Amino acid sequence: VIHFFKSATKMFYGGSGAPPPLCFMTGMGTYQFNR
């Protein structure tokens, strides 16, 4: 868990130079956070 969130704040450095990865929140039922 700790390493996931540390990694989610880092960009894809080097070849692609892409920004940090897209994440998805799911939970609390269909009408709260649905991916």
PDB file of all heavy atoms in Angstrom:
ATOM      1  N   VAL A   1       0.843  -1.201   0.000  1.00  0.00           N
ATOM      2  CA  VAL A   1       0.000   0.000   0.000  1.00  0.00           C
ATOM      3  C   VAL A   1       0.878   1.250   0.000  1.00  0.00           C
ATOM      4  O   VAL A   1       0.669   2.176  -0.791  1.00  0.00           O
ATOM      5  CB  VAL A   1      -0.964   0.006   1.213  1.00  0.00           C
ATOM      6  CG1 VAL A   1      -1.625   1.370   1.394  1.00  0.00           C
ATOM      7  CG2 VAL A   1      -2.017  -1.087   1.071  1.00  0.00           C
ATOM      8  N   ILE A   2       1.860   1.267   0.881  1.00  0.00           N
ATOM      9  CA  ILE A   2       2.765   2.414   0.976  1.00  0.00           C
ATOM     10  C   ILE A   2       3.478   2.626  -0.360  1.00  0.00           C
ATOM     11  O   ILE A   2       3.534   3.736  -0.886  1.00  0.00           O
ATOM     12  CB  ILE A   2       3.776   2.212   2.121  1.00  0.00           C
ATOM     13  CG1 ILE A   2       3.057   2.246   3.470  1.00  0.00           C
ATOM     14  CG2 ILE A   2       4.885   3.254   2.065  1.00  0.00           C
ATOM     15  CD1 ILE A   2       3.905   1.769   4.645  1.00  0.00           C
ATOM     16  N   HIS A   3       3.999   1.545  -0.924  1.00  0.00           N
ATOM     17  CA  HIS A   3       4.752   1.660  -2.166  1.00  0.00           C
ATOM     18  C   HIS A   3       3.845   2.038  -3.348  1.00  0.00           C
ATOM     19  O   HIS A   3       4.265   2.759  -4.255  1.00  0.00           O
ATOM     20  CB  HIS A   3       5.509   0.359  -2.459  1.00  0.00           C
ATOM     21  CG  HIS A   3       6.600   0.543  -3.449  1.00  0.00           C
ATOM     22  ND1 HIS A   3       7.721   1.297  -3.196  1.00  0.00           N
ATOM     23  CD2 HIS A   3       6.724   0.096  -4.716  1.00  0.00           C
ATOM     24  CE1 HIS A   3       8.496   1.303  -4.260  1.00  0.00           C
ATOM     25  NE2 HIS A   3       7.912   0.582  -5.209  1.00  0.00           N
ATOM     26  N   PHE A   4       2.600   1.560  -3.341  1.00  0.00           N
ATOM     27  CA  PHE A   4       1.630   1.924  -4.385  1.00  0.00           C
ATOM     28  C   PHE A   4       1.458   3.433  -4.439  1.00  0.00           C
ATOM     29  O   PHE A   4       1.555   4.046  -5.506  1.00  0.00           O
ATOM     30  CB  PHE A   4       0.280   1.246  -4.102  1.00  0.00           C
ATOM     31  CG  PHE A   4      -0.820   1.668  -5.043  1.00  0.00           C
ATOM     32  CD1 PHE A   4      -1.064   0.955  -6.204  1.00  0.00           C
ATOM     33  CD2 PHE A   4      -1.615   2.778  -4.770  1.00  0.00           C
ATOM     34  CE1 PHE A   4      -2.080   1.333  -7.084  1.00  0.00           C
ATOM     35  CE2 PHE A   4      -2.630   3.164  -5.637  1.00  0.00           C
ATOM     36  CZ  PHE A   4      -2.861   2.446  -6.798  1.00  0.00           C
ATOM     37  N   PHE A   5       1.178   4.057  -3.297  1.00  0.00           N
ATOM     38  CA  PHE A   5       0.923   5.500  -3.299  1.00  0.00           C
ATOM     39  C   PHE A   5       2.188   6.304  -3.576  1.00  0.00           C
ATOM     40  O   PHE A   5       2.117   7.353  -4.218  1.00  0.00           O
ATOM     41  CB  PHE A   5       0.234   5.934  -2.003  1.00  0.00           C
ATOM     42  CG  PHE A   5      -1.223   5.589  -1.989  1.00  0.00           C
ATOM     43  CD1 PHE A   5      -1.715   4.596  -1.164  1.00  0.00           C
ATOM     44  CD2 PHE A   5      -2.110   6.236  -2.834  1.00  0.00           C
ATOM     45  CE1 PHE A   5      -3.051   4.270  -1.165  1.00  0.00           C
ATOM     46  CE2 PHE A   5      -3.458   5.920  -2.852  1.00  0.00           C
ATOM     47  CZ  PHE A   5      -3.931   4.933  -2.013  1.00  0.00           C
ATOM     48  N   LYS A   6       3.343   5.829  -3.125  1.00  0.00           N
ATOM     49  CA  LYS A   6       4.591   6.497  -3.492  1.00  0.00           C
ATOM     50  C   LYS A   6       4.783   6.433  -5.009  1.00  0.00           C
ATOM     51  O   LYS A   6       5.153   7.418  -5.644  1.00  0.00           O
ATOM     52  CB  LYS A   6       5.782   5.841  -2.773  1.00  0.00           C
ATOM     53  CG  LYS A   6       5.841   6.178  -1.302  1.00  0.00           C
ATOM     54  CD  LYS A   6       6.840   5.386  -0.480  1.00  0.00           C
ATOM     55  CE  LYS A   6       8.081   4.908  -1.108  1.00  0.00           C
ATOM     56  NZ  LYS A   6       8.975   4.171  -0.199  1.00  0.00           N
ATOM     57  N   SER A   7       4.508   5.268  -5.597  1.00  0.00           N
ATOM     58  CA  SER A   7       4.665   5.086  -7.045  1.00  0.00           C
ATOM     59  C   SER A   7       3.664   5.901  -7.844  1.00  0.00           C
ATOM     60  O   SER A   7       3.970   6.389  -8.938  1.00  0.00           O
ATOM     61  CB  SER A   7       4.519   3.597  -7.405  1.00  0.00           C
ATOM     62  OG  SER A   7       5.498   2.829  -6.748  1.00  0.00           O
ATOM     63  N   ALA A   8       2.454   6.068  -7.311  1.00  0.00           N
ATOM     64  CA  ALA A   8       1.396   6.791  -8.022  1.00  0.00           C
ATOM     65  C   ALA A   8       1.690   8.281  -8.163  1.00  0.00           C
ATOM     66  O   ALA A   8       1.023   8.974  -8.928  1.00  0.00           O
ATOM     67  CB  ALA A   8       0.053   6.586  -7.329  1.00  0.00           C
ATOM     68  N   THR A   9       2.704   8.772  -7.446  1.00  0.00           N
ATOM     69  CA  THR A   9       3.076  10.183  -7.565  1.00  0.00           C
ATOM     70  C   THR A   9       4.277  10.383  -8.482  1.00  0.00           C
ATOM     71  O   THR A   9       4.757  11.503  -8.630  1.00  0.00           O
ATOM     72  CB  THR A   9       3.404  10.797  -6.189  1.00  0.00           C
ATOM     73  OG1 THR A   9       4.539  10.130  -5.631  1.00  0.00           O
ATOM     74  CG2 THR A   9       2.215  10.717  -5.245  1.00  0.00           C
ATOM     75  N   LYS A  10       4.774   9.306  -9.099  1.00  0.00           N
ATOM     76  CA  LYS A  10       5.968   9.390  -9.957  1.00  0.00           C
ATOM     77  C   LYS A  10       5.598   9.290 -11.442  1.00  0.00           C
ATOM     78  O   LYS A  10       4.722   8.529 -11.824  1.00  0.00           O
ATOM     79  CB  LYS A  10       6.949   8.253  -9.635  1.00  0.00           C
ATOM     80  CG  LYS A  10       7.341   8.143  -8.172  1.00  0.00           C
ATOM     81  CD  LYS A  10       8.212   9.294  -7.741  1.00  0.00           C
ATOM     82  CE  LYS A  10       8.779   9.089  -6.357  1.00  0.00           C
ATOM     83  NZ  LYS A  10       7.869   9.503  -5.295  1.00  0.00           N
ATOM     84  N   MET A  11       6.340  10.051 -12.262  1.00  0.00           N
ATOM     85  CA  MET A  11       6.111  10.003 -13.703  1.00  0.00           C
ATOM     86  C   MET A  11       6.876   8.835 -14.323  1.00  0.00           C
ATOM     87  O   MET A  11       7.784   8.278 -13.706  1.00  0.00           O
ATOM     88  CB  MET A  11       6.551  11.313 -14.362  1.00  0.00           C
ATOM     89  CG  MET A  11       8.059  11.544 -14.348  1.00  0.00           C
ATOM     90  SD  MET A  11       8.560  13.065 -15.164  1.00  0.00           S
ATOM     91  CE  MET A  11       8.441  12.563 -16.873  1.00  0.00           C
ATOM     92  N   PHE A  12       6.504   8.485 -15.543  1.00  0.00           N
ATOM     93  CA  PHE A  12       7.217   7.477 -16.319  1.00  0.00           C
ATOM     94  C   PHE A  12       8.413   8.176 -16.967  1.00  0.00           C
ATOM     95  O   PHE A  12       8.330   8.659 -18.081  1.00  0.00           O
ATOM     96  CB  PHE A  12       6.309   6.869 -17.393  1.00  0.00           C
ATOM     97  CG  PHE A  12       5.187   6.061 -16.817  1.00  0.00           C
ATOM     98  CD1 PHE A  12       3.953   6.647 -16.541  1.00  0.00           C
ATOM     99  CD2 PHE A  12       5.357   4.717 -16.555  1.00  0.00           C
ATOM    100  CE1 PHE A  12       2.916   5.899 -16.012  1.00  0.00           C
ATOM    101  CE2 PHE A  12       4.319   3.963 -16.028  1.00  0.00           C
ATOM    102  CZ  PHE A  12       3.104   4.555 -15.758  1.00  0.00           C
ATOM    103  N   TYR A  13       9.505   8.270 -16.249  1.00  0.00           N
ATOM    104  CA  TYR A  13      10.665   9.031 -16.701  1.00  0.00           C
ATOM    105  C   TYR A  13      11.395   8.292 -17.814  1.00  0.00           C
ATOM    106  O   TYR A  13      11.338   7.074 -17.900  1.00  0.00           O
ATOM    107  CB  TYR A  13      11.622   9.279 -15.530  1.00  0.00           C
ATOM    108  CG  TYR A  13      12.713  10.263 -15.835  1.00  0.00           C
ATOM    109  CD1 TYR A  13      12.432  11.620 -15.888  1.00  0.00           C
ATOM    110  CD2 TYR A  13      14.001   9.839 -16.098  1.00  0.00           C
ATOM    111  CE1 TYR A  13      13.416  12.538 -16.173  1.00  0.00           C
ATOM    112  CE2 TYR A  13      14.997  10.749 -16.391  1.00  0.00           C
ATOM    113  CZ  TYR A  13      14.706  12.099 -16.426  1.00  0.00           C
ATOM    114  OH  TYR A  13      15.688  12.993 -16.719  1.00  0.00           O
ATOM    115  N   GLY A  14      12.090   9.032 -18.638  1.00  0.00           N
ATOM    116  CA  GLY A  14      12.893   8.412 -19.689  1.00  0.00           C
ATOM    117  C   GLY A  14      12.207   8.470 -21.027  1.00  0.00           C
ATOM    118  O   GLY A  14      11.762   9.521 -21.459  1.00  0.00           O
ATOM    119  N   GLY A  15      12.088   7.306 -21.666  1.00  0.00           N
ATOM    120  CA  GLY A  15      11.568   7.216 -23.026  1.00  0.00           C
ATOM    121  C   GLY A  15      10.250   7.923 -23.259  1.00  0.00           C
ATOM    122  O   GLY A  15      10.126   8.749 -24.150  1.00  0.00           O
ATOM    123  N   SER A  16       9.228   7.633 -22.465  1.00  0.00           N
ATOM    124  CA  SER A  16       7.909   8.193 -22.754  1.00  0.00           C
ATOM    125  C   SER A  16       7.697   9.562 -22.124  1.00  0.00           C
ATOM    126  O   SER A  16       7.007  10.406 -22.680  1.00  0.00           O
ATOM    127  CB  SER A  16       6.805   7.248 -22.263  1.00  0.00           C
ATOM    128  OG  SER A  16       6.719   7.266 -20.845  1.00  0.00           O
ATOM    129  N   GLY A  17       8.273   9.796 -20.954  1.00  0.00           N
ATOM    130  CA  GLY A  17       8.058  11.067 -20.268  1.00  0.00           C
ATOM    131  C   GLY A  17       6.610  11.287 -19.874  1.00  0.00           C
ATOM    132  O   GLY A  17       6.180  12.412 -19.643  1.00  0.00           O
ATOM    133  N   ALA A  18       5.825  10.214 -19.800  1.00  0.00           N
ATOM    134  CA  ALA A  18       4.405  10.314 -19.469  1.00  0.00           C
ATOM    135  C   ALA A  18       4.222  10.738 -18.010  1.00  0.00           C
ATOM    136  O   ALA A  18       5.065  10.475 -17.166  1.00  0.00           O
ATOM    137  CB  ALA A  18       3.725   8.969 -19.721  1.00  0.00           C
ATOM    138  N   PRO A  19       3.113  11.398 -17.707  1.00  0.00           N
ATOM    139  CA  PRO A  19       2.838  11.811 -16.330  1.00  0.00           C
ATOM    140  C   PRO A  19       2.572  10.592 -15.446  1.00  0.00           C
ATOM    141  O   PRO A  19       2.497   9.459 -15.937  1.00  0.00           O
ATOM    142  CB  PRO A  19       1.587  12.676 -16.469  1.00  0.00           C
ATOM    143  CG  PRO A  19       0.939  12.211 -17.720  1.00  0.00           C
ATOM    144  CD  PRO A  19       2.045  11.767 -18.626  1.00  0.00           C
ATOM    145  N   PRO A  20       2.418  10.798 -14.136  1.00  0.00           N
ATOM    146  CA  PRO A  20       2.105   9.671 -13.244  1.00  0.00           C
ATOM    147  C   PRO A  20       0.878   8.899 -13.720  1.00  0.00           C
ATOM    148  O   PRO A  20       0.034   9.434 -14.451  1.00  0.00           O
ATOM    149  CB  PRO A  20       1.846  10.352 -11.898  1.00  0.00           C
ATOM    150  CG  PRO A  20       2.681  11.591 -11.958  1.00  0.00           C
ATOM    151  CD  PRO A  20       2.573  12.046 -13.398  1.00  0.00           C
ATOM    152  N   PRO A  21       0.762   7.642 -13.314  1.00  0.00           N
ATOM    153  CA  PRO A  21      -0.319   6.785 -13.818  1.00  0.00           C
ATOM    154  C   PRO A  21      -1.703   7.228 -13.344  1.00  0.00           C
ATOM    155  O   PRO A  21      -1.860   7.764 -12.248  1.00  0.00           O
ATOM    156  CB  PRO A  21       0.028   5.413 -13.243  1.00  0.00           C
ATOM    157  CG  PRO A  21       0.820   5.702 -12.019  1.00  0.00           C
ATOM    158  CD  PRO A  21       1.602   6.945 -12.328  1.00  0.00           C
ATOM    159  N   LEU A  22      -2.672   6.985 -14.197  1.00  0.00           N
ATOM    160  CA  LEU A  22      -4.066   7.220 -13.862  1.00  0.00           C
ATOM    161  C   LEU A  22      -4.502   6.176 -12.838  1.00  0.00           C
ATOM    162  O   LEU A  22      -4.147   5.002 -12.946  1.00  0.00           O
ATOM    163  CB  LEU A  22      -4.925   7.111 -15.124  1.00  0.00           C
ATOM    164  CG  LEU A  22      -6.404   7.439 -14.994  1.00  0.00           C
ATOM    165  CD1 LEU A  22      -6.605   8.905 -14.625  1.00  0.00           C
ATOM    166  CD2 LEU A  22      -7.126   7.129 -16.292  1.00  0.00           C
ATOM    167  N   CYS A  23      -5.250   6.604 -11.843  1.00  0.00           N
ATOM    168  CA  CYS A  23      -5.790   5.693 -10.826  1.00  0.00           C
ATOM    169  C   CYS A  23      -7.312   5.771 -10.862  1.00  0.00           C
ATOM    170  O   CYS A  23      -7.887   6.677 -11.475  1.00  0.00           O
ATOM    171  CB  CYS A  23      -5.281   6.071  -9.434  1.00  0.00           C
ATOM    172  SG  CYS A  23      -3.500   5.909  -9.217  1.00  0.00           S
ATOM    173  N   PHE A  24      -7.951   4.827 -10.201  1.00  0.00           N
ATOM    174  CA  PHE A  24      -9.411   4.784 -10.149  1.00  0.00           C
ATOM    175  C   PHE A  24      -9.865   4.513  -8.726  1.00  0.00           C
ATOM    176  O   PHE A  24      -9.300   3.652  -8.048  1.00  0.00           O
ATOM    177  CB  PHE A  24      -9.956   3.695 -11.074  1.00  0.00           C
ATOM    178  CG  PHE A  24      -9.630   3.920 -12.516  1.00  0.00           C
ATOM    179  CD1 PHE A  24      -8.472   3.399 -13.067  1.00  0.00           C
ATOM    180  CD2 PHE A  24     -10.465   4.678 -13.321  1.00  0.00           C
ATOM    181  CE1 PHE A  24      -8.141   3.617 -14.394  1.00  0.00           C
ATOM    182  CE2 PHE A  24     -10.150   4.907 -14.653  1.00  0.00           C
ATOM    183  CZ  PHE A  24      -8.988   4.379 -15.191  1.00  0.00           C
ATOM    184  N   MET A  25     -10.894   5.244  -8.272  1.00  0.00           N
ATOM    185  CA  MET A  25     -11.504   5.021  -6.961  1.00  0.00           C
ATOM    186  C   MET A  25     -12.829   4.310  -7.162  1.00  0.00           C
ATOM    187  O   MET A  25     -13.657   4.738  -7.970  1.00  0.00           O
ATOM    188  CB  MET A  25     -11.770   6.345  -6.242  1.00  0.00           C
ATOM    189  CG  MET A  25     -10.582   6.927  -5.555  1.00  0.00           C
ATOM    190  SD  MET A  25     -10.938   8.511  -4.712  1.00  0.00           S
ATOM    191  CE  MET A  25     -12.270   8.089  -3.607  1.00  0.00           C
ATOM    192  N   THR A  26     -13.014   3.235  -6.411  1.00  0.00           N
ATOM    193  CA  THR A  26     -14.270   2.493  -6.440  1.00  0.00           C
ATOM    194  C   THR A  26     -14.674   2.208  -4.998  1.00  0.00           C
ATOM    195  O   THR A  26     -13.833   1.821  -4.192  1.00  0.00           O
ATOM    196  CB  THR A  26     -14.103   1.163  -7.200  1.00  0.00           C
ATOM    197  OG1 THR A  26     -13.646   1.439  -8.525  1.00  0.00           O
ATOM    198  CG2 THR A  26     -15.410   0.387  -7.267  1.00  0.00           C
ATOM    199  N   GLY A  27     -15.944   2.405  -4.699  1.00  0.00           N
ATOM    200  CA  GLY A  27     -16.407   2.061  -3.365  1.00  0.00           C
ATOM    201  C   GLY A  27     -17.585   2.887  -2.915  1.00  0.00           C
ATOM    202  O   GLY A  27     -18.001   3.836  -3.569  1.00  0.00           O
ATOM    203  N   MET A  28     -18.120   2.528  -1.786  1.00  0.00           N
ATOM    204  CA  MET A  28     -19.241   3.194  -1.135  1.00  0.00           C
ATOM    205  C   MET A  28     -20.539   3.059  -1.918  1.00  0.00           C
ATOM    206  O   MET A  28     -21.486   3.786  -1.675  1.00  0.00           O
ATOM    207  CB  MET A  28     -18.966   4.685  -0.874  1.00  0.00           C
ATOM    208  CG  MET A  28     -17.684   4.983  -0.153  1.00  0.00           C
ATOM    209  SD  MET A  28     -17.706   4.249   1.480  1.00  0.00           S
ATOM    210  CE  MET A  28     -16.051   4.600   2.004  1.00  0.00           C
ATOM    211  N   GLY A  29     -20.600   2.157  -2.883  1.00  0.00           N
ATOM    212  CA  GLY A  29     -21.821   1.924  -3.636  1.00  0.00           C
ATOM    213  C   GLY A  29     -21.797   2.560  -5.014  1.00  0.00           C
ATOM    214  O   GLY A  29     -20.947   3.377  -5.334  1.00  0.00           O
ATOM    215  N   THR A  30     -22.740   2.188  -5.819  1.00  0.00           N
ATOM    216  CA  THR A  30     -22.809   2.578  -7.223  1.00  0.00           C
ATOM    217  C   THR A  30     -22.774   4.084  -7.452  1.00  0.00           C
ATOM    218  O   THR A  30     -22.133   4.559  -8.383  1.00  0.00           O
ATOM    219  CB  THR A  30     -24.094   2.005  -7.854  1.00  0.00           C
ATOM    220  OG1 THR A  30     -24.077   0.591  -7.698  1.00  0.00           O
ATOM    221  CG2 THR A  30     -24.195   2.353  -9.329  1.00  0.00           C
ATOM    222  N   TYR A  31     -23.450   4.860  -6.615  1.00  0.00           N
ATOM    223  CA  TYR A  31     -23.575   6.292  -6.867  1.00  0.00           C
ATOM    224  C   TYR A  31     -22.558   7.136  -6.109  1.00  0.00           C
ATOM    225  O   TYR A  31     -22.667   8.361  -6.093  1.00  0.00           O
ATOM    226  CB  TYR A  31     -24.995   6.765  -6.571  1.00  0.00           C
ATOM    227  CG  TYR A  31     -25.995   6.063  -7.459  1.00  0.00           C
ATOM    228  CD1 TYR A  31     -26.904   5.156  -6.940  1.00  0.00           C
ATOM    229  CD2 TYR A  31     -25.991   6.282  -8.832  1.00  0.00           C
ATOM    230  CE1 TYR A  31     -27.796   4.490  -7.770  1.00  0.00           C
ATOM    231  CE2 TYR A  31     -26.879   5.625  -9.668  1.00  0.00           C
ATOM    232  CZ  TYR A  31     -27.780   4.733  -9.125  1.00  0.00           C
ATOM    233  OH  TYR A  31     -28.653   4.074  -9.948  1.00  0.00           O
ATOM    234  N   GLN A  32     -21.565   6.527  -5.499  1.00  0.00           N
ATOM    235  CA  GLN A  32     -20.494   7.291  -4.858  1.00  0.00           C
ATOM    236  C   GLN A  32     -19.269   7.292  -5.767  1.00  0.00           C
ATOM    237  O   GLN A  32     -19.048   8.224  -6.506  1.00  0.00           O
ATOM    238  CB  GLN A  32     -20.153   6.721  -3.474  1.00  0.00           C
ATOM    239  CG  GLN A  32     -21.186   7.021  -2.426  1.00  0.00           C
ATOM    240  CD  GLN A  32     -21.174   8.493  -2.006  1.00  0.00           C
ATOM    241  OE1 GLN A  32     -20.443   9.326  -2.526  1.00  0.00           O
ATOM    242  NE2 GLN A  32     -22.025   8.813  -1.059  1.00  0.00           N
ATOM    243  N   PHE A  33     -18.473   6.223  -5.701  1.00  0.00           N
ATOM    244  CA  PHE A  33     -17.247   6.143  -6.498  1.00  0.00           C
ATOM    245  C   PHE A  33     -17.309   4.859  -7.306  1.00  0.00           C
ATOM    246  O   PHE A  33     -17.152   3.776  -6.761  1.00  0.00           O
ATOM    247  CB  PHE A  33     -16.010   6.164  -5.598  1.00  0.00           C
ATOM    248  CG  PHE A  33     -16.039   7.297  -4.609  1.00  0.00           C
ATOM    249  CD1 PHE A  33     -16.256   7.072  -3.270  1.00  0.00           C
ATOM    250  CD2 PHE A  33     -15.879   8.603  -5.041  1.00  0.00           C
ATOM    251  CE1 PHE A  33     -16.305   8.104  -2.363  1.00  0.00           C
ATOM    252  CE2 PHE A  33     -15.918   9.661  -4.145  1.00  0.00           C
ATOM    253  CZ  PHE A  33     -16.134   9.407  -2.801  1.00  0.00           C
ATOM    254  N   ASN A  34     -17.557   4.992  -8.580  1.00  0.00           N
ATOM    255  CA  ASN A  34     -17.733   3.841  -9.453  1.00  0.00           C
ATOM    256  C   ASN A  34     -16.661   3.902 -10.539  1.00  0.00           C
ATOM    257  O   ASN A  34     -16.894   4.378 -11.632  1.00  0.00           O
ATOM    258  CB  ASN A  34     -19.141   3.861 -10.049  1.00  0.00           C
ATOM    259  CG  ASN A  34     -19.502   2.577 -10.731  1.00  0.00           C
ATOM    260  OD1 ASN A  34     -18.624   1.782 -11.079  1.00  0.00           O
ATOM    261  ND2 ASN A  34     -20.776   2.359 -10.949  1.00  0.00           N
ATOM    262  N   ARG A  35     -15.468   3.458 -10.158  1.00  0.00           N
ATOM    263  CA  ARG A  35     -14.296   3.525 -11.032  1.00  0.00           C
ATOM    264  C   ARG A  35     -14.061   4.968 -11.488  1.00  0.00           C
ATOM    265  O   ARG A  35     -13.854   5.264 -12.667  1.00  0.00           O
ATOM    266  CB  ARG A  35     -14.434   2.572 -12.206  1.00  0.00           C
ATOM    267  CG  ARG A  35     -13.100   2.221 -12.849  1.00  0.00           C
ATOM    268  CD  ARG A  35     -13.062   0.850 -13.458  1.00  0.00           C
ATOM    269  NE  ARG A  35     -11.920   0.678 -14.322  1.00  0.00           N
ATOM    270  CZ  ARG A  35     -10.658   0.532 -13.896  1.00  0.00           C
ATOM    271  NH1 ARG A  35     -10.403   0.532 -12.622  1.00  0.00           N
ATOM    272  NH2 ARG A  35      -9.666   0.394 -14.742  1.00  0.00           N
TER     273      ARG A  35
END
